Amino acid sequence: MNSQQKARKAMAQSRQHEEHSEKNILFRVEEKIEQSPCQEIEAEARELMIEKRQHDKHTQDTMLSRSESEIGHTTP
């Protein structure tokens, strides 16, 4: 292989490496765009809804327990 062929091969490899790097950068940018604040807000809203449901369930369980306790105390 002469020096021109080696230079062409090196240039081709360099371009391939640059293209690969650009594709990786584009892929990362697309991922960040997909995980926009809107999606973060939706995730936070889901978490808050789960916490609210857990709180509501705890409140219901507490009220039921108190009611059962009061009914048990008033029965002769």
PDB file of N, CA and C in Angstrom:
ATOM      1  N   MET A   1       0.863  -1.164   0.000  1.00  0.00           N
ATOM      2  CA  MET A   1       0.000   0.000   0.000  1.00  0.00           C
ATOM      3  C   MET A   1       0.917   1.238   0.000  1.00  0.00           C
ATOM      4  N   ASN A   2       0.680   2.111  -0.976  1.00  0.00           N
ATOM      5  CA  ASN A   2       1.515   3.312  -1.050  1.00  0.00           C
ATOM      6  C   ASN A   2       1.001   4.393  -0.099  1.00  0.00           C
ATOM      7  N   SER A   3       1.718   5.487  -0.031  1.00  0.00           N
ATOM      8  CA  SER A   3       1.386   6.537   0.931  1.00  0.00           C
ATOM      9  C   SER A   3       0.053   7.215   0.621  1.00  0.00           C
ATOM     10  N   GLN A   4      -0.326   7.329  -0.657  1.00  0.00           N
ATOM     11  CA  GLN A   4      -1.627   7.923  -0.998  1.00  0.00           C
ATOM     12  C   GLN A   4      -2.759   7.039  -0.507  1.00  0.00           C
ATOM     13  N   GLN A   5      -2.631   5.748  -0.681  1.00  0.00           N
ATOM     14  CA  GLN A   5      -3.662   4.821  -0.231  1.00  0.00           C
ATOM     15  C   GLN A   5      -3.784   4.853   1.299  1.00  0.00           C
ATOM     16  N   LYS A   6      -2.638   4.912   1.967  1.00  0.00           N
ATOM     17  CA  LYS A   6      -2.659   4.998   3.430  1.00  0.00           C
ATOM     18  C   LYS A   6      -3.342   6.287   3.879  1.00  0.00           C
ATOM     19  N   ALA A   7      -3.051   7.378   3.199  1.00  0.00           N
ATOM     20  CA  ALA A   7      -3.663   8.663   3.536  1.00  0.00           C
ATOM     21  C   ALA A   7      -5.166   8.614   3.314  1.00  0.00           C
ATOM     22  N   ARG A   8      -5.598   8.014   2.195  1.00  0.00           N
ATOM     23  CA  ARG A   8      -7.049   7.876   1.921  1.00  0.00           C
ATOM     24  C   ARG A   8      -7.723   7.028   2.988  1.00  0.00           C
ATOM     25  N   LYS A   9      -7.069   5.931   3.336  1.00  0.00           N
ATOM     26  CA  LYS A   9      -7.640   5.046   4.356  1.00  0.00           C
ATOM     27  C   LYS A   9      -7.747   5.785   5.693  1.00  0.00           C
ATOM     28  N   ALA A  10      -6.716   6.516   6.051  1.00  0.00           N
ATOM     29  CA  ALA A  10      -6.743   7.284   7.302  1.00  0.00           C
ATOM     30  C   ALA A  10      -7.833   8.342   7.267  1.00  0.00           C
ATOM     31  N   MET A  11      -7.998   9.016   6.142  1.00  0.00           N
ATOM     32  CA  MET A  11      -9.051  10.035   6.001  1.00  0.00           C
ATOM     33  C   MET A  11     -10.433   9.389   6.119  1.00  0.00           C
ATOM     34  N   ALA A  12     -10.614   8.222   5.477  1.00  0.00           N
ATOM     35  CA  ALA A  12     -11.901   7.527   5.541  1.00  0.00           C
ATOM     36  C   ALA A  12     -12.212   7.118   6.980  1.00  0.00           C
ATOM     37  N   GLN A  13     -11.212   6.614   7.683  1.00  0.00           N
ATOM     38  CA  GLN A  13     -11.423   6.221   9.073  1.00  0.00           C
ATOM     39  C   GLN A  13     -11.744   7.440   9.942  1.00  0.00           C
ATOM     40  N   SER A  14     -11.064   8.533   9.668  1.00  0.00           N
ATOM     41  CA  SER A  14     -11.324   9.762  10.412  1.00  0.00           C
ATOM     42  C   SER A  14     -12.753  10.245  10.188  1.00  0.00           C
ATOM     43  N   ARG A  15     -13.215  10.221   8.930  1.00  0.00           N
ATOM     44  CA  ARG A  15     -14.603  10.630   8.632  1.00  0.00           C
ATOM     45  C   ARG A  15     -15.600   9.700   9.309  1.00  0.00           C
ATOM     46  N   GLN A  16     -15.320   8.394   9.271  1.00  0.00           N
ATOM     47  CA  GLN A  16     -16.224   7.441   9.923  1.00  0.00           C
ATOM     48  C   GLN A  16     -16.308   7.719  11.423  1.00  0.00           C
ATOM     49  N   HIS A  17     -15.155   8.002  12.013  1.00  0.00           N
ATOM     50  CA  HIS A  17     -15.129   8.309  13.440  1.00  0.00           C
ATOM     51  C   HIS A  17     -15.930   9.580  13.737  1.00  0.00           C
ATOM     52  N   GLU A  18     -15.769  10.604  12.923  1.00  0.00           N
ATOM     53  CA  GLU A  18     -16.511  11.858  13.107  1.00  0.00           C
ATOM     54  C   GLU A  18     -18.006  11.628  12.949  1.00  0.00           C
ATOM     55  N   GLU A  19     -18.400  10.851  11.931  1.00  0.00           N
ATOM     56  CA  GLU A  19     -19.824  10.561  11.723  1.00  0.00           C
ATOM     57  C   GLU A  19     -20.394   9.802  12.914  1.00  0.00           C
ATOM     58  N   HIS A  20     -19.620   8.850  13.420  1.00  0.00           N
ATOM     59  CA  HIS A  20     -20.072   8.077  14.578  1.00  0.00           C
ATOM     60  C   HIS A  20     -20.241   9.000  15.790  1.00  0.00           C
ATOM     61  N   SER A  21     -19.296   9.894  15.997  1.00  0.00           N
ATOM     62  CA  SER A  21     -19.388  10.847  17.115  1.00  0.00           C
ATOM     63  C   SER A  21     -20.604  11.753  16.959  1.00  0.00           C
ATOM     64  N   GLU A  22     -20.844  12.244  15.745  1.00  0.00           N
ATOM     65  CA  GLU A  22     -22.010  13.101  15.502  1.00  0.00           C
ATOM     66  C   GLU A  22     -23.304  12.348  15.761  1.00  0.00           C
ATOM     67  N   LYS A  23     -23.372  11.084  15.337  1.00  0.00           N
ATOM     68  CA  LYS A  23     -24.579  10.290  15.583  1.00  0.00           C
ATOM     69  C   LYS A  23     -24.807  10.106  17.069  1.00  0.00           C
ATOM     70  N   ASN A  24     -23.738   9.858  17.814  1.00  0.00           N
ATOM     71  CA  ASN A  24     -23.877   9.707  19.266  1.00  0.00           C
ATOM     72  C   ASN A  24     -24.382  10.992  19.911  1.00  0.00           C
ATOM     73  N   ILE A  25     -23.846  12.102  19.489  1.00  0.00           N
ATOM     74  CA  ILE A  25     -24.285  13.395  20.029  1.00  0.00           C
ATOM     75  C   ILE A  25     -25.755  13.631  19.701  1.00  0.00           C
ATOM     76  N   LEU A  26     -26.150  13.374  18.457  1.00  0.00           N
ATOM     77  CA  LEU A  26     -27.557  13.548  18.073  1.00  0.00           C
ATOM     78  C   LEU A  26     -28.462  12.642  18.883  1.00  0.00           C
ATOM     79  N   PHE A  27     -28.033  11.411  19.099  1.00  0.00           N
ATOM     80  CA  PHE A  27     -28.823  10.463  19.881  1.00  0.00           C
ATOM     81  C   PHE A  27     -29.026  10.991  21.302  1.00  0.00           C
ATOM     82  N   ARG A  28     -27.970  11.501  21.924  1.00  0.00           N
ATOM     83  CA  ARG A  28     -28.078  12.049  23.281  1.00  0.00           C
ATOM     84  C   ARG A  28     -28.990  13.261  23.327  1.00  0.00           C
ATOM     85  N   VAL A  29     -28.876  14.121  22.323  1.00  0.00           N
ATOM     86  CA  VAL A  29     -29.733  15.311  22.275  1.00  0.00           C
ATOM     87  C   VAL A  29     -31.190  14.900  22.137  1.00  0.00           C
ATOM     88  N   GLU A  30     -31.467  13.928  21.270  1.00  0.00           N
ATOM     89  CA  GLU A  30     -32.849  13.459  21.098  1.00  0.00           C
ATOM     90  C   GLU A  30     -33.388  12.875  22.392  1.00  0.00           C
ATOM     91  N   GLU A  31     -32.555  12.139  23.111  1.00  0.00           N
ATOM     92  CA  GLU A  31     -32.994  11.590  24.397  1.00  0.00           C
ATOM     93  C   GLU A  31     -33.343  12.697  25.376  1.00  0.00           C
ATOM     94  N   LYS A  32     -32.520  13.728  25.430  1.00  0.00           N
ATOM     95  CA  LYS A  32     -32.792  14.833  26.349  1.00  0.00           C
ATOM     96  C   LYS A  32     -34.063  15.566  25.961  1.00  0.00           C
ATOM     97  N   ILE A  33     -34.292  15.720  24.649  1.00  0.00           N
ATOM     98  CA  ILE A  33     -35.510  16.387  24.190  1.00  0.00           C
ATOM     99  C   ILE A  33     -36.729  15.557  24.574  1.00  0.00           C
ATOM    100  N   GLU A  34     -36.632  14.229  24.414  1.00  0.00           N
ATOM    101  CA  GLU A  34     -37.752  13.357  24.763  1.00  0.00           C
ATOM    102  C   GLU A  34     -38.051  13.419  26.254  1.00  0.00           C
ATOM    103  N   GLN A  35     -37.049  13.637  27.060  1.00  0.00           N
ATOM    104  CA  GLN A  35     -37.237  13.715  28.496  1.00  0.00           C
ATOM    105  C   GLN A  35     -37.385  15.180  28.911  1.00  0.00           C
ATOM    106  N   SER A  36     -38.183  15.864  28.161  1.00  0.00           N
ATOM    107  CA  SER A  36     -38.392  17.288  28.382  1.00  0.00           C
ATOM    108  C   SER A  36     -39.062  17.535  29.728  1.00  0.00           C
ATOM    109  N   PRO A  37     -39.084  18.782  30.149  1.00  0.00           N
ATOM    110  CA  PRO A  37     -39.739  19.117  31.416  1.00  0.00           C
ATOM    111  C   PRO A  37     -41.189  18.645  31.478  1.00  0.00           C
ATOM    112  N   CYS A  38     -41.848  18.592  30.342  1.00  0.00           N
ATOM    113  CA  CYS A  38     -43.242  18.149  30.313  1.00  0.00           C
ATOM    114  C   CYS A  38     -43.333  16.720  30.847  1.00  0.00           C
ATOM    115  N   GLN A  39     -42.433  15.868  30.418  1.00  0.00           N
ATOM    116  CA  GLN A  39     -42.446  14.488  30.898  1.00  0.00           C
ATOM    117  C   GLN A  39     -42.062  14.430  32.371  1.00  0.00           C
ATOM    118  N   GLU A  40     -41.159  15.292  32.783  1.00  0.00           N
ATOM    119  CA  GLU A  40     -40.792  15.339  34.198  1.00  0.00           C
ATOM    120  C   GLU A  40     -41.980  15.761  35.044  1.00  0.00           C
ATOM    121  N   ILE A  41     -42.752  16.703  34.542  1.00  0.00           N
ATOM    122  CA  ILE A  41     -43.944  17.161  35.253  1.00  0.00           C
ATOM    123  C   ILE A  41     -44.961  16.031  35.349  1.00  0.00           C
ATOM    124  N   GLU A  42     -45.131  15.294  34.249  1.00  0.00           N
ATOM    125  CA  GLU A  42     -46.066  14.167  34.267  1.00  0.00           C
ATOM    126  C   GLU A  42     -45.634  13.118  35.288  1.00  0.00           C
ATOM    127  N   ALA A  43     -44.343  12.825  35.341  1.00  0.00           N
ATOM    128  CA  ALA A  43     -43.834  11.847  36.303  1.00  0.00           C
ATOM    129  C   ALA A  43     -44.068  12.334  37.726  1.00  0.00           C
ATOM    130  N   GLU A  44     -43.820  13.603  37.962  1.00  0.00           N
ATOM    131  CA  GLU A  44     -44.045  14.162  39.296  1.00  0.00           C
ATOM    132  C   GLU A  44     -45.522  14.122  39.659  1.00  0.00           C
ATOM    133  N   ALA A  45     -46.384  14.406  38.690  1.00  0.00           N
ATOM    134  CA  ALA A  45     -47.827  14.359  38.936  1.00  0.00           C
ATOM    135  C   ALA A  45     -48.262  12.938  39.295  1.00  0.00           C
ATOM    136  N   ARG A  46     -47.699  11.945  38.595  1.00  0.00           N
ATOM    137  CA  ARG A  46     -48.033  10.553  38.922  1.00  0.00           C
ATOM    138  C   ARG A  46     -47.602  10.210  40.344  1.00  0.00           C
ATOM    139  N   GLU A  47     -46.408  10.643  40.721  1.00  0.00           N
ATOM    140  CA  GLU A  47     -45.924  10.376  42.072  1.00  0.00           C
ATOM    141  C   GLU A  47     -46.816  11.036  43.123  1.00  0.00           C
ATOM    142  N   LEU A  48     -47.227  12.278  42.847  1.00  0.00           N
ATOM    143  CA  LEU A  48     -48.107  12.973  43.785  1.00  0.00           C
ATOM    144  C   LEU A  48     -49.459  12.282  43.906  1.00  0.00           C
ATOM    145  N   MET A  49     -49.978  11.782  42.791  1.00  0.00           N
ATOM    146  CA  MET A  49     -51.259  11.056  42.829  1.00  0.00           C
ATOM    147  C   MET A  49     -51.126   9.779  43.656  1.00  0.00           C
ATOM    148  N   ILE A  50     -50.003   9.092  43.517  1.00  0.00           N
ATOM    149  CA  ILE A  50     -49.778   7.879  44.302  1.00  0.00           C
ATOM    150  C   ILE A  50     -49.727   8.229  45.789  1.00  0.00           C
ATOM    151  N   GLU A  51     -49.007   9.292  46.125  1.00  0.00           N
ATOM    152  CA  GLU A  51     -48.934   9.717  47.525  1.00  0.00           C
ATOM    153  C   GLU A  51     -50.306  10.101  48.061  1.00  0.00           C
ATOM    154  N   LYS A  52     -51.110  10.790  47.241  1.00  0.00           N
ATOM    155  CA  LYS A  52     -52.454  11.187  47.665  1.00  0.00           C
ATOM    156  C   LYS A  52     -53.319   9.958  47.913  1.00  0.00           C
ATOM    157  N   ARG A  53     -53.243   8.988  47.010  1.00  0.00           N
ATOM    158  CA  ARG A  53     -54.028   7.756  47.200  1.00  0.00           C
ATOM    159  C   ARG A  53     -53.617   7.041  48.479  1.00  0.00           C
ATOM    160  N   GLN A  54     -52.311   6.979  48.731  1.00  0.00           N
ATOM    161  CA  GLN A  54     -51.828   6.337  49.954  1.00  0.00           C
ATOM    162  C   GLN A  54     -52.320   7.093  51.185  1.00  0.00           C
ATOM    163  N   HIS A  55     -52.297   8.404  51.132  1.00  0.00           N
ATOM    164  CA  HIS A  55     -52.779   9.220  52.240  1.00  0.00           C
ATOM    165  C   HIS A  55     -54.281   8.990  52.457  1.00  0.00           C
ATOM    166  N   ASP A  56     -55.041   8.994  51.360  1.00  0.00           N
ATOM    167  CA  ASP A  56     -56.489   8.767  51.459  1.00  0.00           C
ATOM    168  C   ASP A  56     -56.774   7.390  52.056  1.00  0.00           C
ATOM    169  N   LYS A  57     -56.022   6.386  51.630  1.00  0.00           N
ATOM    170  CA  LYS A  57     -56.217   5.028  52.155  1.00  0.00           C
ATOM    171  C   LYS A  57     -55.897   5.001  53.642  1.00  0.00           C
ATOM    172  N   HIS A  58     -54.815   5.658  54.024  1.00  0.00           N
ATOM    173  CA  HIS A  58     -54.440   5.709  55.441  1.00  0.00           C
ATOM    174  C   HIS A  58     -55.541   6.404  56.255  1.00  0.00           C
ATOM    175  N   THR A  59     -56.083   7.492  55.727  1.00  0.00           N
ATOM    176  CA  THR A  59     -57.157   8.219  56.410  1.00  0.00           C
ATOM    177  C   THR A  59     -58.382   7.326  56.571  1.00  0.00           C
ATOM    178  N   GLN A  60     -58.756   6.607  55.521  1.00  0.00           N
ATOM    179  CA  GLN A  60     -59.902   5.706  55.597  1.00  0.00           C
ATOM    180  C   GLN A  60     -59.667   4.604  56.624  1.00  0.00           C
ATOM    181  N   ASP A  61     -58.466   4.031  56.601  1.00  0.00           N
ATOM    182  CA  ASP A  61     -58.146   2.969  57.558  1.00  0.00           C
ATOM    183  C   ASP A  61     -58.208   3.491  58.986  1.00  0.00           C
ATOM    184  N   THR A  62     -57.706   4.697  59.206  1.00  0.00           N
ATOM    185  CA  THR A  62     -57.732   5.304  60.540  1.00  0.00           C
ATOM    186  C   THR A  62     -59.161   5.553  60.991  1.00  0.00           C
ATOM    187  N   MET A  63     -60.001   6.090  60.090  1.00  0.00           N
ATOM    188  CA  MET A  63     -61.403   6.349  60.422  1.00  0.00           C
ATOM    189  C   MET A  63     -62.132   5.046  60.717  1.00  0.00           C
ATOM    190  N   LEU A  64     -61.879   4.020  59.938  1.00  0.00           N
ATOM    191  CA  LEU A  64     -62.513   2.724  60.157  1.00  0.00           C
ATOM    192  C   LEU A  64     -62.100   2.147  61.502  1.00  0.00           C
ATOM    193  N   SER A  65     -60.818   2.251  61.798  1.00  0.00           N
ATOM    194  CA  SER A  65     -60.318   1.737  63.080  1.00  0.00           C
ATOM    195  C   SER A  65     -60.955   2.470  64.254  1.00  0.00           C
ATOM    196  N   ARG A  66     -61.039   3.796  64.146  1.00  0.00           N
ATOM    197  CA  ARG A  66     -61.666   4.582  65.215  1.00  0.00           C
ATOM    198  C   ARG A  66     -63.143   4.232  65.366  1.00  0.00           C
ATOM    199  N   SER A  67     -63.821   4.072  64.241  1.00  0.00           N
ATOM    200  CA  SER A  67     -65.247   3.729  64.297  1.00  0.00           C
ATOM    201  C   SER A  67     -65.446   2.380  64.951  1.00  0.00           C
ATOM    202  N   GLU A  68     -64.623   1.426  64.573  1.00  0.00           N
ATOM    203  CA  GLU A  68     -64.734   0.090  65.180  1.00  0.00           C
ATOM    204  C   GLU A  68     -64.445   0.149  66.677  1.00  0.00           C
ATOM    205  N   SER A  69     -63.467   0.984  67.041  1.00  0.00           N
ATOM    206  CA  SER A  69     -63.120   1.129  68.460  1.00  0.00           C
ATOM    207  C   SER A  69     -64.275   1.756  69.232  1.00  0.00           C
ATOM    208  N   GLU A  70     -64.895   2.791  68.661  1.00  0.00           N
ATOM    209  CA  GLU A  70     -66.015   3.450  69.332  1.00  0.00           C
ATOM    210  C   GLU A  70     -67.212   2.520  69.430  1.00  0.00           C
ATOM    211  N   ILE A  71     -67.464   1.752  68.370  1.00  0.00           N
ATOM    212  CA  ILE A  71     -68.598   0.827  68.408  1.00  0.00           C
ATOM    213  C   ILE A  71     -68.352  -0.243  69.465  1.00  0.00           C
ATOM    214  N   GLY A  72     -67.095  -0.689  69.584  1.00  0.00           N
ATOM    215  CA  GLY A  72     -66.745  -1.699  70.589  1.00  0.00           C
ATOM    216  C   GLY A  72     -66.913  -1.187  72.008  1.00  0.00           C
ATOM    217  N   HIS A  73     -66.676   0.102  72.224  1.00  0.00           N
ATOM    218  CA  HIS A  73     -66.791   0.676  73.563  1.00  0.00           C
ATOM    219  C   HIS A  73     -68.230   0.963  73.951  1.00  0.00           C
ATOM    220  N   THR A  74     -69.099   1.189  72.992  1.00  0.00           N
ATOM    221  CA  THR A  74     -70.478   1.544  73.308  1.00  0.00           C
ATOM    222  C   THR A  74     -71.381   0.323  73.426  1.00  0.00           C
ATOM    223  N   THR A  75     -70.906  -0.825  73.001  1.00  0.00           N
ATOM    224  CA  THR A  75     -71.715  -2.028  73.085  1.00  0.00           C
ATOM    225  C   THR A  75     -71.685  -2.538  74.523  1.00  0.00           C
ATOM    226  N   PRO A  76     -72.922  -2.793  75.096  1.00  0.00           N
ATOM    227  CA  PRO A  76     -72.985  -3.249  76.503  1.00  0.00           C
ATOM    228  C   PRO A  76     -72.525  -4.673  76.680  1.00  0.00           C
TER     229      PRO A  76
END
